[in-house]
Amino acid sequence: MVFKKITLIGTSPESFDAAADDAIDRANDTLENVHWIEVEELGVEVASVENRMYQAEVEVAFELEG
C-alpha cells in the first residue's frame, strides 16, 4: 500500500473540536480511502475578539489506488 498525506485547516467559531471536525468531515466528503487523520496544530484568530475563529490543522493520510 502507498499513502499520501495532505494538510487541511478546519475552522469554526465554536471550538477547536468543531474546527477539527470541520476538516475531518471535508476529508471524508472529498477523498476516498482515508485511513487516519492527525491533529497537528491548533490556533485562534484574534484579529476581532468578538468573532474569534478556532483553527485546527490536520494531516490526512489516504491510500492511493492503482
Protein backbone atom coordinates (compact mmCIF):
# COMPACT_ATOMS: atom_id res chain seq x y z
CA MET A 1 0.00 0.00 0.00
CA VAL A 2 1.06 3.56 -0.70
CA PHE A 3 -0.38 6.52 1.18
CA LYS A 4 -0.43 10.23 0.50
CA LYS A 5 -0.65 12.86 3.25
CA ILE A 6 -2.18 16.29 2.82
CA THR A 7 -2.75 19.14 5.23
CA LEU A 8 -6.18 20.66 5.80
CA ILE A 9 -7.18 23.51 8.10
CA GLY A 10 -10.69 23.39 9.53
CA THR A 11 -12.30 26.43 11.11
CA SER A 12 -15.17 27.07 13.49
CA PRO A 13 -16.47 29.97 15.57
CA GLU A 14 -17.35 27.45 18.33
CA SER A 15 -14.30 25.42 19.41
CA PHE A 16 -11.12 23.56 18.48
CA ASP A 17 -13.07 20.29 18.40
CA ALA A 18 -15.58 21.73 15.95
CA ALA A 19 -12.72 23.05 13.78
CA ALA A 20 -11.08 19.61 13.71
CA ASP A 21 -14.45 18.02 12.91
CA ASP A 22 -14.84 20.50 10.02
CA ALA A 23 -11.55 19.34 8.49
CA ILE A 24 -12.33 15.65 9.11
CA ASP A 25 -15.80 15.94 7.56
CA ARG A 26 -14.37 17.68 4.50
CA ALA A 27 -11.70 14.99 4.09
CA ASN A 28 -14.31 12.24 4.29
CA ASP A 29 -16.57 14.06 1.80
CA THR A 30 -13.91 14.73 -0.82
CA LEU A 31 -11.30 11.95 -0.52
CA GLU A 32 -11.51 8.20 -0.85
CA ASN A 33 -9.65 5.62 1.24
CA VAL A 34 -8.95 7.92 4.23
CA HIS A 35 -7.09 5.81 6.79
CA TRP A 36 -6.12 8.28 9.53
CA ILE A 37 -6.08 11.92 10.49
CA GLU A 38 -3.64 13.57 12.91
CA VAL A 39 -4.26 16.94 14.55
CA GLU A 40 -1.01 18.89 14.15
CA GLU A 41 -1.71 22.42 15.40
CA LEU A 42 -4.45 24.47 16.98
CA GLY A 43 -4.81 28.22 16.63
CA VAL A 44 -7.22 31.07 17.24
CA GLU A 45 -7.69 34.07 15.03
CA VAL A 46 -7.84 37.05 17.41
CA ALA A 47 -7.94 39.93 14.96
CA SER A 48 -11.52 40.53 16.03
CA VAL A 49 -12.16 39.50 19.64
CA GLU A 50 -15.94 39.39 19.15
CA ASN A 51 -15.75 36.91 16.26
CA ARG A 52 -12.90 34.54 17.06
CA MET A 53 -12.27 31.67 14.66
CA TYR A 54 -10.79 28.47 16.03
CA GLN A 55 -8.48 26.62 13.64
CA ALA A 56 -7.31 23.01 13.58
CA GLU A 57 -4.55 21.98 11.18
CA VAL A 58 -4.79 18.26 10.44
CA GLU A 59 -2.79 15.84 8.31
CA VAL A 60 -4.93 13.41 6.36
CA ALA A 61 -3.47 10.11 5.13
CA PHE A 62 -5.27 8.24 2.39
CA GLU A 63 -4.38 5.21 0.31
CA LEU A 64 -3.53 5.76 -3.35
CA GLU A 65 -5.23 3.41 -5.77
CA GLY A 66 -3.58 1.61 -8.59
